[in-house]
N, C-alpha and C. Protein backbone atom coordinates (compact mmCIF):
# COMPACT_ATOMS: atom_id res chain seq x y z
N MET A 1 -32.75 -37.62 88.52
CA MET A 1 -32.27 -36.25 88.31
C MET A 1 -31.01 -36.00 89.16
N ASP A 2 -29.95 -35.60 88.48
CA ASP A 2 -28.69 -35.35 89.20
C ASP A 2 -28.77 -34.07 90.01
N ILE A 3 -28.22 -34.13 91.21
CA ILE A 3 -28.15 -32.94 92.07
C ILE A 3 -26.78 -32.31 91.89
N LYS A 4 -26.76 -31.06 91.43
CA LYS A 4 -25.50 -30.37 91.21
C LYS A 4 -24.99 -29.80 92.54
N PRO A 5 -23.68 -29.89 92.76
CA PRO A 5 -23.11 -29.28 93.97
C PRO A 5 -23.22 -27.76 93.89
N PRO A 6 -23.29 -27.08 95.01
CA PRO A 6 -23.35 -25.61 95.00
C PRO A 6 -22.07 -25.03 94.44
N ASN A 7 -22.17 -23.82 93.87
CA ASN A 7 -20.95 -23.16 93.43
C ASN A 7 -20.17 -22.67 94.65
N LEU A 8 -19.01 -22.08 94.40
CA LEU A 8 -18.13 -21.72 95.50
C LEU A 8 -18.79 -20.74 96.47
N TRP A 9 -19.46 -19.70 95.93
CA TRP A 9 -20.06 -18.69 96.81
C TRP A 9 -21.21 -19.28 97.61
N GLN A 10 -21.98 -20.17 96.99
CA GLN A 10 -23.05 -20.83 97.72
C GLN A 10 -22.49 -21.72 98.83
N PHE A 11 -21.40 -22.41 98.51
CA PHE A 11 -20.76 -23.27 99.51
C PHE A 11 -20.26 -22.45 100.69
N ILE A 12 -19.63 -21.30 100.39
CA ILE A 12 -19.14 -20.43 101.47
C ILE A 12 -20.29 -19.92 102.32
N ASN A 13 -21.40 -19.58 101.67
CA ASN A 13 -22.57 -19.09 102.40
C ASN A 13 -23.15 -20.18 103.31
N ILE A 14 -23.17 -21.41 102.81
CA ILE A 14 -23.70 -22.53 103.60
C ILE A 14 -22.77 -22.85 104.77
N GLN A 15 -21.47 -22.81 104.52
CA GLN A 15 -20.48 -23.23 105.51
C GLN A 15 -19.83 -22.04 106.25
N HIS A 16 -20.42 -20.84 106.14
CA HIS A 16 -19.73 -19.64 106.61
C HIS A 16 -19.34 -19.71 108.09
N SER A 17 -20.17 -20.32 108.92
CA SER A 17 -19.86 -20.39 110.36
C SER A 17 -18.62 -21.26 110.60
N LYS A 18 -18.59 -22.41 109.95
CA LYS A 18 -17.45 -23.31 110.12
C LYS A 18 -16.18 -22.71 109.51
N ILE A 19 -16.32 -22.09 108.32
CA ILE A 19 -15.17 -21.48 107.67
C ILE A 19 -14.60 -20.37 108.53
N LEU A 20 -15.47 -19.54 109.08
CA LEU A 20 -15.02 -18.44 109.95
C LEU A 20 -14.30 -18.98 111.18
N SER A 21 -14.82 -20.07 111.74
CA SER A 21 -14.18 -20.69 112.89
C SER A 21 -12.78 -21.18 112.54
N GLU A 22 -12.63 -21.78 111.36
CA GLU A 22 -11.32 -22.28 110.93
C GLU A 22 -10.37 -21.12 110.62
N VAL A 23 -10.91 -20.01 110.10
CA VAL A 23 -10.08 -18.83 109.84
C VAL A 23 -9.50 -18.31 111.15
N PHE A 24 -10.34 -18.20 112.18
CA PHE A 24 -9.87 -17.73 113.49
C PHE A 24 -8.84 -18.70 114.06
N ALA A 25 -9.09 -20.01 113.91
CA ALA A 25 -8.14 -21.00 114.42
C ALA A 25 -6.80 -20.90 113.69
N GLN A 26 -6.86 -20.68 112.37
CA GLN A 26 -5.63 -20.52 111.59
C GLN A 26 -4.83 -19.32 112.07
N CYS A 27 -5.53 -18.20 112.28
CA CYS A 27 -4.86 -16.98 112.75
C CYS A 27 -4.28 -17.17 114.15
N GLU A 28 -5.01 -17.85 115.02
CA GLU A 28 -4.53 -18.10 116.38
C GLU A 28 -3.26 -18.94 116.34
N LEU A 29 -3.26 -19.97 115.50
CA LEU A 29 -2.10 -20.85 115.39
C LEU A 29 -0.88 -20.06 114.91
N VAL A 30 -1.05 -19.29 113.84
CA VAL A 30 0.08 -18.55 113.27
C VAL A 30 0.57 -17.49 114.24
N LEU A 31 -0.34 -16.77 114.89
CA LEU A 31 0.06 -15.73 115.85
C LEU A 31 0.82 -16.33 117.03
N LEU A 32 0.35 -17.48 117.53
CA LEU A 32 1.02 -18.13 118.64
C LEU A 32 2.43 -18.56 118.24
N VAL A 33 2.54 -19.19 117.08
CA VAL A 33 3.83 -19.69 116.62
C VAL A 33 4.79 -18.54 116.33
N ILE A 34 4.33 -17.49 115.65
CA ILE A 34 5.24 -16.39 115.30
C ILE A 34 5.68 -15.64 116.55
N ALA A 35 4.81 -15.59 117.57
CA ALA A 35 5.21 -14.94 118.83
C ALA A 35 6.34 -15.73 119.51
N ILE A 36 6.18 -17.06 119.56
CA ILE A 36 7.20 -17.91 120.17
C ILE A 36 8.50 -17.84 119.37
N VAL A 37 8.38 -17.92 118.05
CA VAL A 37 9.55 -17.92 117.18
C VAL A 37 10.29 -16.58 117.26
N ALA A 38 9.53 -15.49 117.28
CA ALA A 38 10.16 -14.17 117.37
C ALA A 38 10.94 -14.02 118.67
N LEU A 39 10.32 -14.43 119.77
CA LEU A 39 10.97 -14.32 121.08
C LEU A 39 12.24 -15.16 121.14
N THR A 40 12.12 -16.44 120.79
CA THR A 40 13.26 -17.35 120.89
C THR A 40 14.32 -17.05 119.82
N GLY A 41 13.87 -16.71 118.60
CA GLY A 41 14.82 -16.45 117.52
C GLY A 41 15.65 -15.20 117.75
N ILE A 42 14.98 -14.11 118.17
CA ILE A 42 15.71 -12.87 118.43
C ILE A 42 16.64 -13.05 119.62
N LEU A 43 16.16 -13.71 120.66
CA LEU A 43 17.00 -13.95 121.83
C LEU A 43 18.22 -14.78 121.47
N THR A 44 18.03 -15.81 120.67
CA THR A 44 19.16 -16.64 120.23
C THR A 44 20.17 -15.81 119.44
N GLY A 45 19.67 -14.99 118.51
CA GLY A 45 20.57 -14.15 117.72
C GLY A 45 21.36 -13.18 118.57
N VAL A 46 20.69 -12.60 119.57
CA VAL A 46 21.37 -11.66 120.48
C VAL A 46 22.47 -12.35 121.26
N LEU A 47 22.20 -13.56 121.71
CA LEU A 47 23.16 -14.28 122.56
C LEU A 47 24.39 -14.75 121.79
N VAL A 48 24.24 -15.09 120.50
CA VAL A 48 25.35 -15.72 119.79
C VAL A 48 26.05 -14.81 118.78
N HIS A 49 25.50 -13.64 118.47
CA HIS A 49 26.00 -12.87 117.32
C HIS A 49 27.44 -12.40 117.47
N ARG A 50 27.95 -12.34 118.69
CA ARG A 50 29.32 -11.86 118.92
C ARG A 50 30.36 -12.97 118.76
N HIS A 51 29.92 -14.22 118.66
CA HIS A 51 30.84 -15.36 118.64
C HIS A 51 30.70 -16.14 117.33
N VAL A 52 31.72 -16.12 116.52
CA VAL A 52 31.68 -16.73 115.19
C VAL A 52 31.35 -18.22 115.27
N ALA A 53 31.99 -18.94 116.18
CA ALA A 53 31.77 -20.38 116.29
C ALA A 53 30.32 -20.70 116.65
N LEU A 54 29.77 -19.92 117.58
CA LEU A 54 28.38 -20.13 117.97
C LEU A 54 27.42 -19.79 116.83
N VAL A 55 27.72 -18.73 116.11
CA VAL A 55 26.89 -18.35 114.96
C VAL A 55 26.85 -19.49 113.95
N GLU A 56 27.99 -20.05 113.63
CA GLU A 56 28.05 -21.14 112.65
C GLU A 56 27.32 -22.38 113.16
N ALA A 57 27.48 -22.68 114.45
CA ALA A 57 26.84 -23.86 115.02
C ALA A 57 25.31 -23.71 115.03
N VAL A 58 24.84 -22.55 115.47
CA VAL A 58 23.40 -22.33 115.59
C VAL A 58 22.73 -22.26 114.22
N THR A 59 23.29 -21.47 113.31
CA THR A 59 22.69 -21.38 111.98
C THR A 59 22.79 -22.71 111.23
N GLY A 60 23.87 -23.44 111.46
CA GLY A 60 24.01 -24.76 110.85
C GLY A 60 22.95 -25.72 111.35
N PHE A 61 22.70 -25.68 112.67
CA PHE A 61 21.69 -26.56 113.26
C PHE A 61 20.30 -26.26 112.70
N TRP A 62 19.92 -24.97 112.69
CA TRP A 62 18.58 -24.62 112.19
C TRP A 62 18.46 -24.85 110.69
N SER A 63 19.57 -24.78 109.97
CA SER A 63 19.55 -25.09 108.54
C SER A 63 19.24 -26.57 108.32
N ILE A 64 19.80 -27.42 109.17
CA ILE A 64 19.53 -28.86 109.07
C ILE A 64 18.07 -29.14 109.40
N VAL A 65 17.55 -28.51 110.46
CA VAL A 65 16.14 -28.67 110.82
C VAL A 65 15.24 -28.25 109.66
N TYR A 66 15.63 -27.16 109.01
CA TYR A 66 14.84 -26.60 107.91
C TYR A 66 14.72 -27.57 106.73
N THR A 67 15.73 -28.45 106.57
CA THR A 67 15.73 -29.38 105.43
C THR A 67 14.92 -30.64 105.70
N ILE A 68 14.49 -30.87 106.94
CA ILE A 68 13.70 -32.06 107.26
C ILE A 68 12.32 -31.93 106.61
N PRO A 69 11.84 -32.95 105.90
CA PRO A 69 10.51 -32.86 105.29
C PRO A 69 9.44 -32.53 106.32
N SER A 70 8.57 -31.59 106.00
CA SER A 70 7.60 -31.08 106.97
C SER A 70 6.66 -32.17 107.47
N LEU A 71 6.19 -33.02 106.58
CA LEU A 71 5.26 -34.07 107.00
C LEU A 71 5.94 -35.05 107.95
N ALA A 72 7.20 -35.37 107.67
CA ALA A 72 7.94 -36.27 108.55
C ALA A 72 8.11 -35.66 109.93
N MET A 73 8.39 -34.35 109.97
CA MET A 73 8.54 -33.66 111.25
C MET A 73 7.24 -33.69 112.05
N LEU A 74 6.12 -33.44 111.37
CA LEU A 74 4.82 -33.43 112.05
C LEU A 74 4.47 -34.81 112.58
N VAL A 75 4.68 -35.83 111.76
CA VAL A 75 4.36 -37.20 112.17
C VAL A 75 5.24 -37.64 113.33
N PHE A 76 6.49 -37.18 113.35
CA PHE A 76 7.42 -37.55 114.42
C PHE A 76 6.87 -37.16 115.80
N PHE A 77 6.18 -36.00 115.87
CA PHE A 77 5.69 -35.51 117.16
C PHE A 77 4.34 -36.11 117.57
N ILE A 78 3.75 -36.93 116.69
CA ILE A 78 2.48 -37.57 117.06
C ILE A 78 2.69 -38.54 118.22
N GLY A 79 3.83 -39.29 118.16
CA GLY A 79 4.10 -40.29 119.20
C GLY A 79 4.10 -39.70 120.60
N PRO A 80 4.96 -38.70 120.86
CA PRO A 80 5.02 -38.17 122.23
C PRO A 80 3.88 -37.23 122.60
N PHE A 81 3.26 -36.56 121.61
CA PHE A 81 2.28 -35.52 121.94
C PHE A 81 0.87 -35.77 121.42
N GLY A 82 0.69 -36.82 120.62
CA GLY A 82 -0.64 -37.10 120.09
C GLY A 82 -1.02 -36.13 118.98
N LEU A 83 -2.32 -36.08 118.68
CA LEU A 83 -2.82 -35.20 117.63
C LEU A 83 -3.28 -33.87 118.22
N GLY A 84 -3.36 -32.85 117.37
CA GLY A 84 -3.90 -31.57 117.82
C GLY A 84 -2.91 -30.43 117.72
N TRP A 85 -3.12 -29.45 118.59
CA TRP A 85 -2.34 -28.22 118.56
C TRP A 85 -0.86 -28.44 118.89
N VAL A 86 -0.57 -29.28 119.88
CA VAL A 86 0.80 -29.37 120.40
C VAL A 86 1.81 -29.79 119.34
N PRO A 87 1.62 -30.91 118.62
CA PRO A 87 2.61 -31.26 117.60
C PRO A 87 2.70 -30.24 116.49
N ALA A 88 1.57 -29.61 116.14
CA ALA A 88 1.58 -28.59 115.10
C ALA A 88 2.40 -27.38 115.53
N VAL A 89 2.19 -26.91 116.75
CA VAL A 89 2.92 -25.74 117.24
C VAL A 89 4.41 -26.02 117.34
N ILE A 90 4.78 -27.17 117.90
CA ILE A 90 6.21 -27.51 118.06
C ILE A 90 6.91 -27.57 116.70
N ALA A 91 6.30 -28.27 115.75
CA ALA A 91 6.91 -28.40 114.43
C ALA A 91 7.05 -27.05 113.74
N LEU A 92 6.01 -26.23 113.81
CA LEU A 92 6.06 -24.93 113.15
C LEU A 92 7.07 -23.99 113.81
N VAL A 93 7.19 -24.07 115.13
CA VAL A 93 8.20 -23.26 115.83
C VAL A 93 9.60 -23.65 115.39
N LEU A 94 9.84 -24.93 115.23
CA LEU A 94 11.16 -25.39 114.79
C LEU A 94 11.46 -24.91 113.37
N TYR A 95 10.48 -24.99 112.49
CA TYR A 95 10.69 -24.57 111.11
C TYR A 95 10.86 -23.06 110.98
N GLY A 96 10.22 -22.31 111.85
CA GLY A 96 10.26 -20.85 111.72
C GLY A 96 11.48 -20.17 112.29
N GLN A 97 12.37 -20.91 112.94
CA GLN A 97 13.51 -20.31 113.62
C GLN A 97 14.55 -19.70 112.69
N LEU A 98 14.92 -20.41 111.63
CA LEU A 98 16.08 -20.03 110.82
C LEU A 98 16.02 -18.60 110.28
N PRO A 99 14.94 -18.15 109.64
CA PRO A 99 14.96 -16.79 109.09
C PRO A 99 15.16 -15.71 110.16
N ILE A 100 14.54 -15.89 111.33
CA ILE A 100 14.65 -14.87 112.37
C ILE A 100 16.02 -14.90 113.03
N VAL A 101 16.52 -16.08 113.35
CA VAL A 101 17.85 -16.18 113.95
C VAL A 101 18.90 -15.61 113.01
N ARG A 102 18.84 -15.99 111.75
CA ARG A 102 19.83 -15.54 110.77
C ARG A 102 19.76 -14.02 110.57
N ASN A 103 18.56 -13.49 110.43
CA ASN A 103 18.43 -12.05 110.21
C ASN A 103 18.79 -11.23 111.44
N THR A 104 18.52 -11.78 112.63
CA THR A 104 18.92 -11.08 113.85
C THR A 104 20.44 -10.98 113.93
N ILE A 105 21.11 -12.08 113.63
CA ILE A 105 22.58 -12.09 113.65
C ILE A 105 23.13 -11.12 112.60
N VAL A 106 22.60 -11.19 111.39
CA VAL A 106 23.07 -10.30 110.31
C VAL A 106 22.82 -8.84 110.67
N GLY A 107 21.63 -8.55 111.20
CA GLY A 107 21.30 -7.17 111.56
C GLY A 107 22.20 -6.62 112.65
N LEU A 108 22.42 -7.40 113.69
CA LEU A 108 23.26 -6.94 114.80
C LEU A 108 24.72 -6.78 114.37
N ARG A 109 25.20 -7.69 113.54
CA ARG A 109 26.60 -7.63 113.13
C ARG A 109 26.85 -6.56 112.07
N SER A 110 25.77 -6.05 111.46
CA SER A 110 25.93 -5.04 110.43
C SER A 110 26.03 -3.62 111.00
N VAL A 111 25.78 -3.48 112.31
CA VAL A 111 25.90 -2.15 112.94
C VAL A 111 27.37 -1.76 112.98
N GLU A 112 27.66 -0.57 112.54
CA GLU A 112 29.04 -0.09 112.49
C GLU A 112 29.68 -0.10 113.89
N PRO A 113 30.87 -0.71 114.02
CA PRO A 113 31.56 -0.71 115.32
C PRO A 113 31.79 0.70 115.88
N ALA A 114 32.00 1.66 114.98
CA ALA A 114 32.25 3.04 115.43
C ALA A 114 31.04 3.61 116.18
N ILE A 115 29.84 3.19 115.75
CA ILE A 115 28.63 3.67 116.42
C ILE A 115 28.56 3.13 117.83
N MET A 116 28.87 1.84 117.98
CA MET A 116 28.83 1.23 119.32
C MET A 116 29.94 1.78 120.21
N GLU A 117 31.10 2.04 119.62
CA GLU A 117 32.20 2.62 120.40
C GLU A 117 31.84 4.01 120.89
N SER A 118 31.15 4.77 120.05
CA SER A 118 30.72 6.11 120.45
C SER A 118 29.72 6.03 121.60
N ALA A 119 28.81 5.06 121.51
CA ALA A 119 27.82 4.88 122.57
C ALA A 119 28.50 4.47 123.88
N SER A 120 29.49 3.59 123.78
CA SER A 120 30.22 3.16 124.98
C SER A 120 31.01 4.32 125.57
N ALA A 121 31.56 5.16 124.70
CA ALA A 121 32.34 6.31 125.17
C ALA A 121 31.45 7.31 125.92
N MET A 122 30.17 7.27 125.63
CA MET A 122 29.22 8.16 126.32
C MET A 122 28.81 7.60 127.68
N GLY A 123 29.37 6.42 128.04
CA GLY A 123 29.10 5.84 129.34
C GLY A 123 28.01 4.78 129.35
N MET A 124 27.54 4.37 128.18
CA MET A 124 26.50 3.35 128.12
C MET A 124 27.08 1.97 128.43
N LYS A 125 26.34 1.19 129.20
CA LYS A 125 26.71 -0.20 129.45
C LYS A 125 26.44 -1.04 128.20
N ARG A 126 27.04 -2.25 128.17
CA ARG A 126 26.89 -3.10 126.98
C ARG A 126 25.42 -3.40 126.70
N PHE A 127 24.65 -3.72 127.73
CA PHE A 127 23.23 -4.02 127.52
C PHE A 127 22.47 -2.80 127.02
N THR A 128 22.82 -1.64 127.52
CA THR A 128 22.18 -0.39 127.10
C THR A 128 22.49 -0.10 125.64
N VAL A 129 23.74 -0.34 125.24
CA VAL A 129 24.13 -0.16 123.83
C VAL A 129 23.32 -1.10 122.95
N LEU A 130 23.18 -2.35 123.40
CA LEU A 130 22.40 -3.34 122.65
C LEU A 130 20.95 -2.89 122.50
N ARG A 131 20.37 -2.45 123.61
CA ARG A 131 18.94 -2.11 123.63
C ARG A 131 18.64 -0.81 122.91
N LYS A 132 19.50 0.20 123.08
CA LYS A 132 19.20 1.52 122.54
C LYS A 132 19.87 1.82 121.19
N VAL A 133 20.88 1.04 120.85
CA VAL A 133 21.61 1.33 119.61
C VAL A 133 21.53 0.16 118.62
N GLN A 134 22.05 -1.00 119.03
CA GLN A 134 22.13 -2.13 118.09
C GLN A 134 20.77 -2.62 117.62
N LEU A 135 19.89 -2.94 118.57
CA LEU A 135 18.59 -3.50 118.19
C LEU A 135 17.77 -2.54 117.32
N PRO A 136 17.69 -1.25 117.67
CA PRO A 136 16.95 -0.34 116.78
C PRO A 136 17.53 -0.28 115.36
N LEU A 137 18.87 -0.28 115.26
CA LEU A 137 19.50 -0.23 113.95
C LEU A 137 19.33 -1.54 113.18
N ALA A 138 19.28 -2.65 113.91
CA ALA A 138 19.13 -3.97 113.28
C ALA A 138 17.68 -4.32 113.00
N TRP A 139 16.75 -3.56 113.60
CA TRP A 139 15.33 -3.92 113.53
C TRP A 139 14.80 -4.09 112.10
N PRO A 140 15.12 -3.22 111.12
CA PRO A 140 14.59 -3.44 109.77
C PRO A 140 14.97 -4.79 109.18
N VAL A 141 16.16 -5.27 109.50
CA VAL A 141 16.60 -6.58 109.01
C VAL A 141 15.90 -7.69 109.79
N ILE A 142 15.75 -7.51 111.10
CA ILE A 142 15.10 -8.53 111.94
C ILE A 142 13.65 -8.74 111.52
N ILE A 143 12.93 -7.64 111.28
CA ILE A 143 11.51 -7.79 110.96
C ILE A 143 11.30 -8.41 109.58
N VAL A 144 12.27 -8.25 108.69
CA VAL A 144 12.20 -8.96 107.41
C VAL A 144 12.28 -10.47 107.65
N GLY A 145 13.14 -10.88 108.59
CA GLY A 145 13.23 -12.29 108.95
C GLY A 145 11.92 -12.79 109.54
N MET A 146 11.27 -11.97 110.36
CA MET A 146 9.97 -12.34 110.92
C MET A 146 8.92 -12.48 109.83
N ARG A 147 8.98 -11.60 108.86
CA ARG A 147 8.03 -11.65 107.73
C ARG A 147 8.20 -12.95 106.93
N VAL A 148 9.46 -13.28 106.62
CA VAL A 148 9.73 -14.53 105.89
C VAL A 148 9.28 -15.73 106.70
N SER A 149 9.58 -15.72 107.99
CA SER A 149 9.19 -16.82 108.87
C SER A 149 7.67 -16.98 108.91
N CYS A 150 6.95 -15.86 108.96
CA CYS A 150 5.49 -15.91 109.01
C CYS A 150 4.92 -16.55 107.75
N MET A 151 5.46 -16.19 106.58
CA MET A 151 4.97 -16.78 105.34
C MET A 151 5.27 -18.28 105.29
N LEU A 152 6.44 -18.66 105.79
CA LEU A 152 6.79 -20.07 105.87
C LEU A 152 5.83 -20.82 106.78
N ILE A 153 5.53 -20.22 107.92
CA ILE A 153 4.61 -20.85 108.88
C ILE A 153 3.22 -21.02 108.29
N PHE A 154 2.76 -20.02 107.55
CA PHE A 154 1.45 -20.13 106.90
C PHE A 154 1.41 -21.31 105.95
N GLY A 155 2.44 -21.45 105.14
CA GLY A 155 2.47 -22.56 104.19
C GLY A 155 2.45 -23.91 104.88
N LEU A 156 3.25 -24.04 105.92
CA LEU A 156 3.34 -25.33 106.62
C LEU A 156 2.14 -25.58 107.53
N SER A 157 1.44 -24.52 107.95
CA SER A 157 0.29 -24.71 108.84
C SER A 157 -0.82 -25.48 108.14
N ALA A 158 -0.87 -25.40 106.81
CA ALA A 158 -1.86 -26.18 106.07
C ALA A 158 -1.60 -27.68 106.24
N ILE A 159 -0.32 -28.05 106.17
CA ILE A 159 0.05 -29.47 106.30
C ILE A 159 -0.21 -29.96 107.71
N ALA A 160 -0.24 -29.05 108.70
CA ALA A 160 -0.46 -29.44 110.09
C ALA A 160 -1.82 -30.08 110.31
N SER A 161 -2.74 -29.92 109.35
CA SER A 161 -4.05 -30.57 109.49
C SER A 161 -3.92 -32.09 109.50
N TYR A 162 -2.82 -32.61 108.95
CA TYR A 162 -2.59 -34.06 108.95
C TYR A 162 -2.42 -34.60 110.37
N VAL A 163 -1.98 -33.75 111.29
CA VAL A 163 -1.81 -34.21 112.67
C VAL A 163 -2.87 -33.59 113.59
N GLY A 164 -3.98 -33.21 112.99
CA GLY A 164 -5.07 -32.64 113.78
C GLY A 164 -4.90 -31.18 114.10
N GLY A 165 -3.97 -30.51 113.41
CA GLY A 165 -3.77 -29.08 113.64
C GLY A 165 -4.97 -28.28 113.16
N PRO A 166 -5.17 -27.10 113.74
CA PRO A 166 -6.33 -26.29 113.40
C PRO A 166 -6.14 -25.51 112.10
N GLY A 167 -7.23 -24.99 111.57
CA GLY A 167 -7.13 -24.08 110.45
C GLY A 167 -7.76 -24.61 109.17
N LEU A 168 -7.52 -23.88 108.10
CA LEU A 168 -8.14 -24.17 106.81
C LEU A 168 -7.50 -25.33 106.06
N GLY A 169 -6.40 -25.84 106.58
CA GLY A 169 -5.76 -26.98 105.94
C GLY A 169 -6.66 -28.19 105.85
N ASP A 170 -7.59 -28.31 106.81
CA ASP A 170 -8.52 -29.44 106.80
C ASP A 170 -9.41 -29.39 105.56
N TYR A 171 -9.87 -28.18 105.20
CA TYR A 171 -10.66 -28.03 103.99
C TYR A 171 -9.83 -28.41 102.76
N LEU A 172 -8.60 -27.91 102.72
CA LEU A 172 -7.74 -28.14 101.56
C LEU A 172 -7.50 -29.62 101.33
N PHE A 173 -7.07 -30.35 102.36
CA PHE A 173 -6.71 -31.74 102.17
C PHE A 173 -7.91 -32.68 102.14
N SER A 174 -9.01 -32.28 102.78
CA SER A 174 -10.24 -33.07 102.65
C SER A 174 -10.71 -33.03 101.21
N GLY A 175 -10.65 -31.83 100.61
CA GLY A 175 -11.05 -31.71 99.21
C GLY A 175 -10.14 -32.48 98.28
N LEU A 176 -8.82 -32.37 98.49
CA LEU A 176 -7.87 -33.06 97.63
C LEU A 176 -7.99 -34.58 97.74
N SER A 177 -8.24 -35.08 98.95
CA SER A 177 -8.33 -36.53 99.14
C SER A 177 -9.63 -37.11 98.60
N ASN A 178 -10.60 -36.25 98.32
CA ASN A 178 -11.90 -36.72 97.83
C ASN A 178 -12.27 -36.09 96.50
N LEU A 179 -11.26 -35.75 95.69
CA LEU A 179 -11.53 -35.10 94.41
C LEU A 179 -12.50 -35.93 93.57
N GLY A 180 -13.48 -35.23 93.00
CA GLY A 180 -14.49 -35.91 92.20
C GLY A 180 -15.77 -36.13 92.96
N SER A 181 -15.69 -36.06 94.29
CA SER A 181 -16.89 -36.26 95.09
C SER A 181 -17.62 -34.93 95.26
N PHE A 182 -18.80 -34.99 95.85
CA PHE A 182 -19.65 -33.82 96.05
C PHE A 182 -18.93 -32.79 96.92
N ASN A 183 -18.80 -31.56 96.42
CA ASN A 183 -18.21 -30.42 97.14
C ASN A 183 -16.70 -30.50 97.33
N SER A 184 -16.04 -31.50 96.77
CA SER A 184 -14.60 -31.62 96.99
C SER A 184 -13.83 -30.42 96.43
N MET A 185 -14.23 -29.95 95.23
CA MET A 185 -13.55 -28.82 94.64
C MET A 185 -13.77 -27.55 95.46
N ASN A 186 -14.99 -27.37 95.97
CA ASN A 186 -15.28 -26.22 96.81
C ASN A 186 -14.43 -26.24 98.08
N GLN A 187 -14.28 -27.41 98.69
CA GLN A 187 -13.45 -27.53 99.89
C GLN A 187 -12.00 -27.17 99.59
N THR A 188 -11.49 -27.68 98.47
CA THR A 188 -10.11 -27.41 98.08
C THR A 188 -9.88 -25.92 97.85
N LEU A 189 -10.81 -25.29 97.15
CA LEU A 189 -10.67 -23.86 96.84
C LEU A 189 -10.77 -23.00 98.09
N VAL A 190 -11.67 -23.35 98.99
CA VAL A 190 -11.80 -22.59 100.24
C VAL A 190 -10.50 -22.68 101.04
N GLY A 191 -9.95 -23.89 101.13
CA GLY A 191 -8.70 -24.05 101.87
C GLY A 191 -7.54 -23.32 101.22
N ALA A 192 -7.38 -23.48 99.91
CA ALA A 192 -6.24 -22.88 99.20
C ALA A 192 -6.34 -21.36 99.18
N PHE A 193 -7.49 -20.84 98.75
CA PHE A 193 -7.66 -19.39 98.67
C PHE A 193 -7.67 -18.75 100.05
N GLY A 194 -8.27 -19.44 101.01
CA GLY A 194 -8.34 -18.89 102.37
C GLY A 194 -6.96 -18.72 102.98
N ILE A 195 -6.13 -19.74 102.87
CA ILE A 195 -4.77 -19.67 103.43
C ILE A 195 -3.95 -18.62 102.69
N THR A 196 -4.08 -18.57 101.37
CA THR A 196 -3.34 -17.58 100.58
C THR A 196 -3.75 -16.16 100.95
N LEU A 197 -5.05 -15.93 101.08
CA LEU A 197 -5.54 -14.59 101.42
C LEU A 197 -5.07 -14.16 102.81
N LEU A 198 -5.15 -15.07 103.77
CA LEU A 198 -4.68 -14.75 105.12
C LEU A 198 -3.19 -14.45 105.14
N ALA A 199 -2.42 -15.23 104.37
CA ALA A 199 -0.97 -15.00 104.31
C ALA A 199 -0.67 -13.62 103.73
N LEU A 200 -1.40 -13.22 102.69
CA LEU A 200 -1.20 -11.90 102.09
C LEU A 200 -1.58 -10.78 103.07
N ILE A 201 -2.63 -10.99 103.84
CA ILE A 201 -3.04 -10.00 104.84
C ILE A 201 -1.96 -9.85 105.91
N PHE A 202 -1.45 -10.96 106.41
CA PHE A 202 -0.39 -10.92 107.42
C PHE A 202 0.87 -10.27 106.86
N ASP A 203 1.19 -10.57 105.60
CA ASP A 203 2.37 -9.98 104.97
C ASP A 203 2.22 -8.46 104.89
N ALA A 204 1.04 -8.00 104.52
CA ALA A 204 0.78 -6.56 104.45
C ALA A 204 0.89 -5.92 105.83
N LEU A 205 0.43 -6.63 106.86
CA LEU A 205 0.53 -6.11 108.23
C LEU A 205 1.99 -5.99 108.66
N PHE A 206 2.82 -6.94 108.26
CA PHE A 206 4.25 -6.85 108.58
C PHE A 206 4.89 -5.64 107.90
N VAL A 207 4.50 -5.37 106.65
CA VAL A 207 5.01 -4.19 105.95
C VAL A 207 4.62 -2.92 106.71
N LEU A 208 3.37 -2.88 107.18
CA LEU A 208 2.89 -1.72 107.93
C LEU A 208 3.63 -1.57 109.26
N VAL A 209 3.79 -2.69 109.97
CA VAL A 209 4.49 -2.66 111.27
C VAL A 209 5.93 -2.22 111.08
N LYS A 210 6.57 -2.72 110.03
CA LYS A 210 7.96 -2.32 109.75
C LYS A 210 8.05 -0.81 109.52
N LYS A 211 7.10 -0.28 108.78
CA LYS A 211 7.11 1.16 108.49
C LYS A 211 6.90 1.98 109.75
N ILE A 212 6.00 1.52 110.62
CA ILE A 212 5.67 2.26 111.83
C ILE A 212 6.80 2.19 112.85
N THR A 213 7.42 1.01 112.97
CA THR A 213 8.38 0.79 114.05
C THR A 213 9.82 1.11 113.67
N THR A 214 10.09 1.38 112.40
CA THR A 214 11.45 1.70 111.97
C THR A 214 11.67 3.21 112.03
N ALA A 215 12.77 3.61 112.63
CA ALA A 215 13.09 5.03 112.70
C ALA A 215 13.14 5.65 111.31
N LYS A 216 12.70 6.90 111.20
CA LYS A 216 12.59 7.57 109.89
C LYS A 216 13.91 7.57 109.13
N GLY A 217 15.00 7.74 109.84
CA GLY A 217 16.31 7.79 109.18
C GLY A 217 16.74 6.46 108.61
N LEU A 218 16.09 5.35 109.04
CA LEU A 218 16.48 4.01 108.57
C LEU A 218 15.52 3.48 107.50
N ARG A 219 14.45 4.22 107.22
CA ARG A 219 13.48 3.76 106.23
C ARG A 219 14.02 3.89 104.82
N ILE A 220 13.70 2.87 104.01
CA ILE A 220 14.11 2.89 102.60
C ILE A 220 12.88 3.20 101.79
N ALA A 221 12.91 4.24 101.03
CA ALA A 221 11.76 4.63 100.24
C ALA A 221 11.46 3.61 99.16
């Protein structure tokens, strides 16, 4: 008598503890990476946005990094860092830089010079103008870059399971590598749907954060 594999909901019920653990690990990985990327990307954009040569050099460099195949990048870091969180975090941080750096530069450079001149005429120092005028005005563009970067990181975080990275990618690729075997389809679906659902939740949170943190006069209906 053939034993039929459980359906998807039965599989989730059986594996709920492990699945929940992987969901938390996936969220921790993405939150850690997006925090690092946001800090370094915005800081880079602030430092270079006034200098055309630096802007071209920095955006050109991150564009080249962005074109490197993700699996090759992950495997490259196995040698010096081994398997686990470290190579996954480093690779994802590198991939997530371009959207935030580019949008920070675009946002800061799009602020009208007359606005900054008015602020300077009021006695504001350059750093004060940046903090109180430029960054708030550029913020809607910057957070869009963070949103794009987050979605990119979610997609690549699944591949990070190849180097021992945490999250639902292990379910996805375990199922794909064993298609036809017992529960392989359930594993694949849990990984694929789980990562997609989490990405959509994070995307919705970014929309909410953008709405809350953007000044009313800068909101687009």
